[in-house]
Amino acid sequence: MPFLRSLKPDATTRDIIEQRLEIFRHLLPANELILRGPSELTAGERELIGTYVSAKNSCTYCYGGHAAAAAAFGLDPALVDCNVDIRSII
């Protein structure tokens, strides 16, 4: 995240969280509930949505994380890498 001058050039998500733990300690449980809590969507499908949104936001960092997680939850990596209308999947 070198575009944030307050972070070292090779900063990771952990570095960001540790820098502002007072904020993230409240956000992380919500994030966990959204991505892993009870839902009609599988964890892989939710990660696929994260991949799609990250691509639309042009955030390659988040895209890579969500794409890897979607693949880890069993989604075909080819599906994650192509321009598929997400509504046709879920």
C-alpha atoms as a PDB file:
ATOM      1  CA  MET A   1       0.000   0.000   0.000  1.00  0.00           C
ATOM      2  CA  PRO A   2       2.710   2.510  -0.876  1.00  0.00           C
ATOM      3  CA  PHE A   3       0.140   5.190  -1.745  1.00  0.00           C
ATOM      4  CA  LEU A   4      -0.418   5.709   2.000  1.00  0.00           C
ATOM      5  CA  ARG A   5       2.619   7.596   3.236  1.00  0.00           C
ATOM      6  CA  SER A   6       1.988   6.528   6.825  1.00  0.00           C
ATOM      7  CA  LEU A   7       2.701   2.902   5.899  1.00  0.00           C
ATOM      8  CA  LYS A   8       5.903   1.191   4.885  1.00  0.00           C
ATOM      9  CA  PRO A   9       6.100   0.314   1.157  1.00  0.00           C
ATOM     10  CA  ASP A  10       5.579  -3.407   1.756  1.00  0.00           C
ATOM     11  CA  ALA A  11       2.707  -2.978   4.227  1.00  0.00           C
ATOM     12  CA  THR A  12       0.158  -5.745   4.534  1.00  0.00           C
ATOM     13  CA  THR A  13      -3.406  -5.766   5.776  1.00  0.00           C
ATOM     14  CA  ARG A  14      -2.081  -6.811   9.186  1.00  0.00           C
ATOM     15  CA  ASP A  15       0.066  -3.637   9.320  1.00  0.00           C
ATOM     16  CA  ILE A  16      -2.975  -1.485   8.611  1.00  0.00           C
ATOM     17  CA  ILE A  17      -5.062  -3.251  11.244  1.00  0.00           C
ATOM     18  CA  GLU A  18      -2.331  -3.024  13.871  1.00  0.00           C
ATOM     19  CA  GLN A  19      -1.844   0.679  13.185  1.00  0.00           C
ATOM     20  CA  ARG A  20      -5.521   1.421  13.919  1.00  0.00           C
ATOM     21  CA  LEU A  21      -6.594  -1.456  16.140  1.00  0.00           C
ATOM     22  CA  GLU A  22      -9.098   0.722  18.015  1.00  0.00           C
ATOM     23  CA  ILE A  23     -11.102   0.996  14.774  1.00  0.00           C
ATOM     24  CA  PHE A  24     -10.595  -2.476  13.351  1.00  0.00           C
ATOM     25  CA  ARG A  25     -11.413  -4.324  16.570  1.00  0.00           C
ATOM     26  CA  HIS A  26     -15.029  -3.310  15.872  1.00  0.00           C
ATOM     27  CA  LEU A  27     -14.996  -3.904  12.110  1.00  0.00           C
ATOM     28  CA  LEU A  28     -13.348  -7.328  11.984  1.00  0.00           C
ATOM     29  CA  PRO A  29     -16.236  -9.211  13.667  1.00  0.00           C
ATOM     30  CA  ALA A  30     -18.698  -7.649  11.206  1.00  0.00           C
ATOM     31  CA  ASN A  31     -16.471  -8.612   8.296  1.00  0.00           C
ATOM     32  CA  GLU A  32     -16.239 -12.173   9.605  1.00  0.00           C
ATOM     33  CA  LEU A  33     -20.025 -12.386   9.972  1.00  0.00           C
ATOM     34  CA  ILE A  34     -20.601 -11.069   6.449  1.00  0.00           C
ATOM     35  CA  LEU A  35     -18.118 -13.425   4.806  1.00  0.00           C
ATOM     36  CA  ARG A  36     -18.482 -16.523   6.993  1.00  0.00           C
ATOM     37  CA  GLY A  37     -21.712 -16.220   8.978  1.00  0.00           C
ATOM     38  CA  PRO A  38     -25.005 -17.979   8.255  1.00  0.00           C
ATOM     39  CA  SER A  39     -26.235 -17.233   4.730  1.00  0.00           C
ATOM     40  CA  GLU A  40     -28.011 -18.702   1.741  1.00  0.00           C
ATOM     41  CA  LEU A  41     -24.770 -18.000  -0.140  1.00  0.00           C
ATOM     42  CA  THR A  42     -21.724 -20.184   0.296  1.00  0.00           C
ATOM     43  CA  ALA A  43     -18.475 -18.658   1.538  1.00  0.00           C
ATOM     44  CA  GLY A  44     -17.090 -19.107  -1.981  1.00  0.00           C
ATOM     45  CA  GLU A  45     -19.999 -17.229  -3.529  1.00  0.00           C
ATOM     46  CA  ARG A  46     -19.536 -14.386  -1.062  1.00  0.00           C
ATOM     47  CA  GLU A  47     -15.828 -14.254  -1.883  1.00  0.00           C
ATOM     48  CA  LEU A  48     -16.755 -14.204  -5.576  1.00  0.00           C
ATOM     49  CA  ILE A  49     -18.897 -11.141  -4.894  1.00  0.00           C
ATOM     50  CA  GLY A  50     -15.906  -9.573  -3.125  1.00  0.00           C
ATOM     51  CA  THR A  51     -13.777 -10.380  -6.161  1.00  0.00           C
ATOM     52  CA  TYR A  52     -16.279  -8.757  -8.501  1.00  0.00           C
ATOM     53  CA  VAL A  53     -16.631  -5.613  -6.368  1.00  0.00           C
ATOM     54  CA  SER A  54     -12.855  -5.328  -6.000  1.00  0.00           C
ATOM     55  CA  ALA A  55     -12.451  -5.597  -9.771  1.00  0.00           C
ATOM     56  CA  LYS A  56     -15.064  -2.870 -10.272  1.00  0.00           C
ATOM     57  CA  ASN A  57     -13.202  -0.729  -7.716  1.00  0.00           C
ATOM     58  CA  SER A  58      -9.902  -1.419  -9.514  1.00  0.00           C
ATOM     59  CA  CYS A  59      -8.380  -2.671  -6.256  1.00  0.00           C
ATOM     60  CA  THR A  60      -5.947  -5.359  -7.327  1.00  0.00           C
ATOM     61  CA  TYR A  61      -4.928  -6.036  -3.721  1.00  0.00           C
ATOM     62  CA  CYS A  62      -8.474  -6.875  -2.573  1.00  0.00           C
ATOM     63  CA  TYR A  63      -9.237  -8.630  -5.863  1.00  0.00           C
ATOM     64  CA  GLY A  64      -6.288 -10.964  -5.339  1.00  0.00           C
ATOM     65  CA  GLY A  65      -7.305 -11.780  -1.774  1.00  0.00           C
ATOM     66  CA  HIS A  66     -10.934 -12.448  -2.607  1.00  0.00           C
ATOM     67  CA  ALA A  67     -10.030 -14.428  -5.747  1.00  0.00           C
ATOM     68  CA  ALA A  68      -7.667 -16.654  -3.753  1.00  0.00           C
ATOM     69  CA  ALA A  69     -10.284 -17.179  -1.051  1.00  0.00           C
ATOM     70  CA  ALA A  70     -12.980 -17.990  -3.637  1.00  0.00           C
ATOM     71  CA  ALA A  71     -10.693 -20.592  -5.192  1.00  0.00           C
ATOM     72  CA  ALA A  72      -9.866 -21.990  -1.744  1.00  0.00           C
ATOM     73  CA  PHE A  73     -13.592 -22.441  -1.136  1.00  0.00           C
ATOM     74  CA  GLY A  74     -13.878 -24.494  -4.309  1.00  0.00           C
ATOM     75  CA  LEU A  75     -14.874 -22.016  -6.992  1.00  0.00           C
ATOM     76  CA  ASP A  76     -13.271 -22.648 -10.353  1.00  0.00           C
ATOM     77  CA  PRO A  77     -10.383 -20.163 -10.752  1.00  0.00           C
ATOM     78  CA  ALA A  78     -11.404 -19.700 -14.403  1.00  0.00           C
ATOM     79  CA  LEU A  79     -14.771 -18.417 -13.205  1.00  0.00           C
ATOM     80  CA  VAL A  80     -13.089 -15.890 -10.943  1.00  0.00           C
ATOM     81  CA  ASP A  81     -10.811 -14.663 -13.734  1.00  0.00           C
ATOM     82  CA  CYS A  82     -13.452 -14.091 -16.399  1.00  0.00           C
ATOM     83  CA  ASN A  83     -16.035 -11.357 -16.860  1.00  0.00           C
ATOM     84  CA  VAL A  84     -19.117 -13.227 -15.751  1.00  0.00           C
ATOM     85  CA  ASP A  85     -22.330 -11.519 -14.772  1.00  0.00           C
ATOM     86  CA  ILE A  86     -22.407 -12.373 -11.059  1.00  0.00           C
ATOM     87  CA  ARG A  87     -26.224 -12.566 -11.136  1.00  0.00           C
ATOM     88  CA  SER A  88     -26.010 -15.638 -13.386  1.00  0.00           C
ATOM     89  CA  ILE A  89     -24.106 -17.547 -10.693  1.00  0.00           C
ATOM     90  CA  ILE A  90     -26.081 -16.896  -7.544  1.00  0.00           C
END
